[in-house]
């Protein structure tokens, strides 16, 4: 059995990234780790975020013998990657908000970034804008509520469209033609976001770019050779979560995604 690709997020948002990776590497083995006991990450202090993520990911990497880690969370990627790369000997891929392609695509040169408050306020985000979108007017929108709404949609199948419309009203008023979804939870709401914002706003996320990066790194480490040898097998998928329990709806969603094992995992940094 090949070493798995480990995808990590605070909640179910990383499933949007996992789906893109599976399109390119459908026969690989996958582990999905989500730290839902500490959701949403945008509300955590930076050091608490770093120490908790590193301890949790390191534990699962050691247990599963993962070949690569994908930190499919914009908030975590902006602060956790240096400490994680210092701890692990395998490749670590982070998520970068799609500011560069948004600036290239925009005709009006009015673009927006919708992310968690943690991502919106970090210096890293401003550096991206300065480097790749200095010819654009860029509006920043921070929301942790949308993260919880995405979680609720997956767990229950329900979404409060009236409340979503309220949350998005500043974006509607900003008159943008491209909006970057700077949190991996937000593609889970893509259809509803498009409905509220209208077809005149193009929604961009980083899932496809991340998938291409993962494939390249696996090829460089010869892990893809093992994938081809395993191609006749059904891809095994394990999910790990940190909360005391998950809803029946979320469990059903994970099973529908192909996960055959769902297991709670804890560290000293977790709480239920």
Protein backbone atom coordinates (compact mmCIF):
# COMPACT_ATOMS: atom_id res chain seq x y z
CA UNK A 1 0.00 0.00 0.00
CA UNK A 2 1.35 3.43 -0.92
CA UNK A 3 1.91 6.10 1.68
CA UNK A 4 -1.19 8.29 1.96
CA UNK A 5 -1.66 11.93 1.09
CA UNK A 6 -2.68 13.65 4.34
CA UNK A 7 -5.05 16.59 3.92
CA UNK A 8 -5.58 18.78 6.97
CA UNK A 9 -8.13 21.47 7.78
CA UNK A 10 -10.05 22.89 10.73
CA UNK A 11 -13.28 21.39 9.41
CA UNK A 12 -14.85 20.06 6.24
CA UNK A 13 -13.53 22.84 3.98
CA UNK A 14 -10.48 20.81 3.00
CA UNK A 15 -12.75 18.30 1.29
CA UNK A 16 -12.96 20.82 -1.57
CA UNK A 17 -9.18 20.61 -1.96
CA UNK A 18 -9.18 16.83 -1.52
CA UNK A 19 -11.67 16.52 -4.38
CA UNK A 20 -9.33 18.42 -6.71
CA UNK A 21 -6.35 16.25 -5.73
CA UNK A 22 -8.36 13.06 -6.31
CA UNK A 23 -9.16 14.23 -9.84
CA UNK A 24 -5.43 14.14 -10.63
CA UNK A 25 -4.52 11.16 -8.42
CA UNK A 26 -7.65 9.00 -8.24
CA UNK A 27 -5.87 5.81 -7.16
CA UNK A 28 -3.92 7.21 -4.25
CA UNK A 29 -4.60 6.54 -0.58
CA UNK A 30 -5.89 9.50 1.45
CA UNK A 31 -6.17 10.56 5.05
CA UNK A 32 -8.30 13.55 5.98
CA UNK A 33 -7.64 15.18 9.36
CA UNK A 34 -9.93 17.92 10.59
CA UNK A 35 -9.52 19.73 13.89
CA UNK A 36 -13.20 20.49 14.43
CA UNK A 37 -12.79 20.72 18.21
CA UNK A 38 -11.05 24.09 17.70
CA UNK A 39 -13.14 25.40 14.80
CA UNK A 40 -13.14 28.16 13.61
CA UNK A 41 -9.40 28.77 13.33
CA UNK A 42 -9.87 32.45 12.53
CA UNK A 43 -10.73 33.05 16.19
CA UNK A 44 -7.61 31.42 17.71
CA UNK A 45 -4.47 33.16 18.96
CA UNK A 46 -1.52 32.57 16.65
CA UNK A 47 0.66 30.54 19.03
CA UNK A 48 -2.27 28.36 20.08
CA UNK A 49 -3.01 27.72 16.42
CA UNK A 50 0.59 26.79 15.60
CA UNK A 51 1.26 24.50 18.56
CA UNK A 52 -2.04 22.66 18.20
CA UNK A 53 -1.73 22.10 14.47
CA UNK A 54 1.88 20.93 14.60
CA UNK A 55 1.19 18.46 17.44
CA UNK A 56 -1.87 17.05 15.72
CA UNK A 57 -0.42 16.74 12.22
CA UNK A 58 2.86 15.29 13.48
CA UNK A 59 0.96 12.61 15.38
CA UNK A 60 -1.09 11.55 12.36
CA UNK A 61 1.90 11.64 9.99
CA UNK A 62 3.77 9.29 12.31
CA UNK A 63 0.78 6.99 12.59
CA UNK A 64 -0.11 6.81 8.90
CA UNK A 65 3.39 7.19 7.39
CA UNK A 66 2.04 9.90 5.09
CA UNK A 67 4.02 10.81 1.98
CA UNK A 68 2.96 14.46 1.93
CA UNK A 69 0.88 16.89 3.99
CA UNK A 70 -1.54 19.38 2.47
CA UNK A 71 -2.55 22.13 4.89
CA UNK A 72 -5.88 22.88 3.22
CA UNK A 73 -6.66 25.85 5.43
CA UNK A 74 -5.75 29.42 4.55
CA UNK A 75 -5.69 30.57 8.17
CA UNK A 76 -3.32 27.80 9.23
CA UNK A 77 -1.17 28.12 6.10
CA UNK A 78 -0.38 31.75 6.84
CA UNK A 79 1.23 30.91 10.20
CA UNK A 80 1.81 27.17 10.67
CA UNK A 81 3.91 26.14 7.66
CA UNK A 82 7.39 27.18 8.92
CA UNK A 83 6.99 25.31 12.23
CA UNK A 84 5.46 22.29 10.50
CA UNK A 85 8.22 22.08 7.88
CA UNK A 86 10.80 22.29 10.64
CA UNK A 87 9.17 19.32 12.36
CA UNK A 88 8.46 17.03 9.39
CA UNK A 89 10.82 15.49 6.85
CA UNK A 90 8.13 15.07 4.16
CA UNK A 91 6.84 17.77 1.79
CA UNK A 92 4.25 20.20 3.16
CA UNK A 93 1.94 22.11 0.81
CA UNK A 94 -0.01 25.15 1.98
CA UNK A 95 -2.88 27.16 0.55
CA UNK A 96 -2.31 30.59 -0.95
CA UNK A 97 -5.33 32.82 -1.70
CA UNK A 98 -5.75 33.12 -5.47
CA UNK A 99 -4.88 36.83 -5.56
CA UNK A 100 -2.57 36.56 -8.57
CA UNK A 101 -5.02 34.85 -10.97
CA UNK A 102 -7.82 37.12 -9.72
CA UNK A 103 -5.84 40.23 -10.63
CA UNK A 104 -5.02 38.77 -14.05
CA UNK A 105 -8.65 37.83 -14.72
CA UNK A 106 -10.34 41.02 -13.55
CA UNK A 107 -11.46 43.40 -16.26
CA UNK A 108 -12.66 46.16 -13.92
CA UNK A 109 -9.59 45.80 -11.67
CA UNK A 110 -11.92 45.65 -8.68
CA UNK A 111 -11.39 42.36 -6.86
CA UNK A 112 -12.21 41.03 -3.42
CA UNK A 113 -10.85 38.50 -0.95
CA UNK A 114 -13.36 36.66 1.22
CA UNK A 115 -11.54 34.83 4.01
CA UNK A 116 -11.51 34.31 7.77
CA UNK A 117 -10.63 37.31 9.95
CA UNK A 118 -7.26 35.67 10.68
CA UNK A 119 -6.31 35.49 7.01
CA UNK A 120 -7.61 38.97 6.20
CA UNK A 121 -5.59 40.73 8.89
CA UNK A 122 -2.24 38.96 8.44
CA UNK A 123 0.74 40.70 6.87
CA UNK A 124 1.18 37.73 4.53
CA UNK A 125 -2.10 38.60 2.79
CA UNK A 126 -1.09 42.22 2.27
CA UNK A 127 2.21 41.06 0.78
CA UNK A 128 0.32 38.93 -1.76
CA UNK A 129 -1.83 41.89 -2.73
CA UNK A 130 1.17 44.20 -3.03
CA UNK A 131 3.09 41.69 -5.14
CA UNK A 132 0.35 40.50 -7.50
CA UNK A 133 -2.51 43.00 -7.42
CA UNK A 134 -0.96 46.43 -7.11
CA UNK A 135 -2.89 47.54 -10.20
CA UNK A 136 -6.23 46.57 -8.61
CA UNK A 137 -8.57 47.96 -6.02
CA UNK A 138 -8.79 45.10 -3.52
CA UNK A 139 -11.56 44.81 -0.93
CA UNK A 140 -11.05 42.49 2.07
CA UNK A 141 -13.95 40.71 3.78
CA UNK A 142 -13.48 38.61 6.92
CA UNK A 143 -16.08 36.13 8.14
CA UNK A 144 -15.97 33.23 10.57
CA UNK A 145 -19.74 32.87 10.35
CA UNK A 146 -19.52 31.59 6.78
CA UNK A 147 -17.21 28.81 7.98
CA UNK A 148 -19.86 27.68 10.45
CA UNK A 149 -22.57 28.00 7.79
CA UNK A 150 -20.60 25.69 5.49
CA UNK A 151 -20.21 23.18 8.33
CA UNK A 152 -23.94 23.38 9.01
CA UNK A 153 -24.80 22.85 5.35
CA UNK A 154 -22.72 19.66 5.19
CA UNK A 155 -24.01 18.37 8.54
CA UNK A 156 -27.70 19.13 8.03
CA UNK A 157 -28.26 19.97 4.37
CA UNK A 158 -29.73 23.30 5.51
CA UNK A 159 -28.55 26.84 4.81
CA UNK A 160 -30.13 30.13 5.88
CA UNK A 161 -30.17 32.03 2.59
CA UNK A 162 -31.60 35.16 4.20
CA UNK A 163 -28.69 35.30 6.64
CA UNK A 164 -26.19 34.52 3.85
CA UNK A 165 -27.57 37.43 1.86
CA UNK A 166 -27.08 39.71 4.87
CA UNK A 167 -23.48 38.55 5.39
CA UNK A 168 -22.65 39.08 1.72
CA UNK A 169 -24.30 42.50 1.38
CA UNK A 170 -21.01 44.45 1.71
CA UNK A 171 -19.57 42.34 -1.13
CA UNK A 172 -22.58 42.99 -3.34
CA UNK A 173 -22.21 46.73 -2.71
CA UNK A 174 -18.47 46.67 -3.51
CA UNK A 175 -19.14 46.17 -7.25
CA UNK A 176 -16.44 43.54 -7.86
CA UNK A 177 -15.98 41.33 -10.90
CA UNK A 178 -13.75 38.70 -9.21
CA UNK A 179 -13.97 37.35 -5.67
CA UNK A 180 -11.26 35.12 -4.22
CA UNK A 181 -12.56 32.43 -1.87
CA UNK A 182 -9.72 32.59 0.63
CA UNK A 183 -11.00 29.82 2.90
CA UNK A 184 -11.38 26.21 1.80
CA UNK A 185 -14.81 26.07 3.44
CA UNK A 186 -16.20 28.64 1.04
CA UNK A 187 -16.25 26.49 -2.16
CA UNK A 188 -18.74 24.34 -0.23
CA UNK A 189 -21.08 27.35 -0.56
CA UNK A 190 -20.17 28.16 -4.16
CA UNK A 191 -23.66 27.74 -5.63
CA UNK A 192 -25.28 29.82 -2.90
CA UNK A 193 -22.58 32.49 -3.07
CA UNK A 194 -23.03 32.75 -6.83
CA UNK A 195 -26.78 32.99 -6.40
CA UNK A 196 -26.47 35.97 -4.05
CA UNK A 197 -23.59 37.74 -5.80
CA UNK A 198 -24.82 37.17 -9.36
CA UNK A 199 -23.18 35.81 -12.47
CA UNK A 200 -21.20 39.02 -12.94
CA UNK A 201 -18.84 38.00 -10.15
CA UNK A 202 -16.32 35.24 -10.89
CA UNK A 203 -15.45 33.08 -7.88
CA UNK A 204 -11.89 31.78 -7.64
CA UNK A 205 -10.25 29.31 -5.25
CA UNK A 206 -6.88 27.54 -5.06
CA UNK A 207 -7.95 23.88 -5.19
CA UNK A 208 -6.77 23.08 -8.71
CA UNK A 209 -3.39 24.77 -8.21
CA UNK A 210 -2.82 22.84 -4.97
CA UNK A 211 -3.63 19.54 -6.68
CA UNK A 212 -1.08 20.22 -9.42
CA UNK A 213 1.56 21.06 -6.81
CA UNK A 214 0.89 17.83 -4.91
CA UNK A 215 1.21 15.74 -8.07
CA UNK A 216 4.51 17.43 -8.95
CA UNK A 217 6.00 16.87 -5.50
CA UNK A 218 4.95 13.22 -5.41
CA UNK A 219 6.54 12.67 -8.81
CA UNK A 220 9.76 14.24 -7.53
CA UNK A 221 9.81 11.88 -4.53
CA UNK A 222 8.93 8.84 -6.68
CA UNK A 223 5.73 8.33 -4.72
CA UNK A 224 3.72 8.41 -7.94
CA UNK A 225 5.44 5.23 -9.11
CA UNK A 226 3.86 3.43 -6.17
CA UNK A 227 0.52 4.99 -7.02
CA UNK A 228 0.61 3.45 -10.50
CA UNK A 229 1.42 0.06 -9.01
CA UNK A 230 -1.61 0.41 -6.71
CA UNK A 231 -3.92 1.57 -9.48
CA UNK A 232 -5.80 -1.72 -9.61
CA UNK A 233 -6.82 -1.33 -5.95
CA UNK A 234 -9.67 0.71 -4.52
CA UNK A 235 -8.28 3.88 -2.95
CA UNK A 236 -8.51 3.58 0.83
CA UNK A 237 -9.61 6.70 2.68
CA UNK A 238 -9.45 7.42 6.40
CA UNK A 239 -10.88 10.44 8.23
CA UNK A 240 -9.75 11.67 11.64
CA UNK A 241 -11.53 14.33 13.69
CA UNK A 242 -10.91 15.92 17.11
CA UNK A 243 -14.36 16.76 18.45
CA UNK A 244 -16.00 14.39 20.93
CA UNK A 245 -18.49 13.35 18.27
CA UNK A 246 -19.66 14.30 14.79
CA UNK A 247 -23.20 14.61 13.53
CA UNK A 248 -24.92 11.83 11.63
CA UNK A 249 -25.18 14.12 8.62
CA UNK A 250 -21.45 14.82 8.57
CA UNK A 251 -20.64 11.14 9.01
CA UNK A 252 -22.92 10.34 6.07
CA UNK A 253 -21.22 12.99 3.95
CA UNK A 254 -17.78 11.54 4.71
CA UNK A 255 -18.92 8.03 3.86
CA UNK A 256 -20.46 9.33 0.63
CA UNK A 257 -17.10 10.94 -0.19
CA UNK A 258 -15.49 7.50 0.04
CA UNK A 259 -14.13 7.38 3.59
CA UNK A 260 -14.24 3.85 4.97
CA UNK A 261 -12.85 4.74 8.41
CA UNK A 262 -13.95 7.60 10.69
CA UNK A 263 -12.04 7.98 13.94
CA UNK A 264 -11.64 10.53 16.70
CA UNK A 265 -8.08 11.49 17.53
CA UNK A 266 -6.84 13.64 20.42
CA UNK A 267 -3.68 15.42 21.48
CA UNK A 268 -2.84 17.44 24.58
CA UNK A 269 -3.89 20.49 22.57
CA UNK A 270 -7.34 19.17 21.71
CA UNK A 271 -10.53 19.56 23.60
CA UNK A 272 -13.95 18.11 22.94
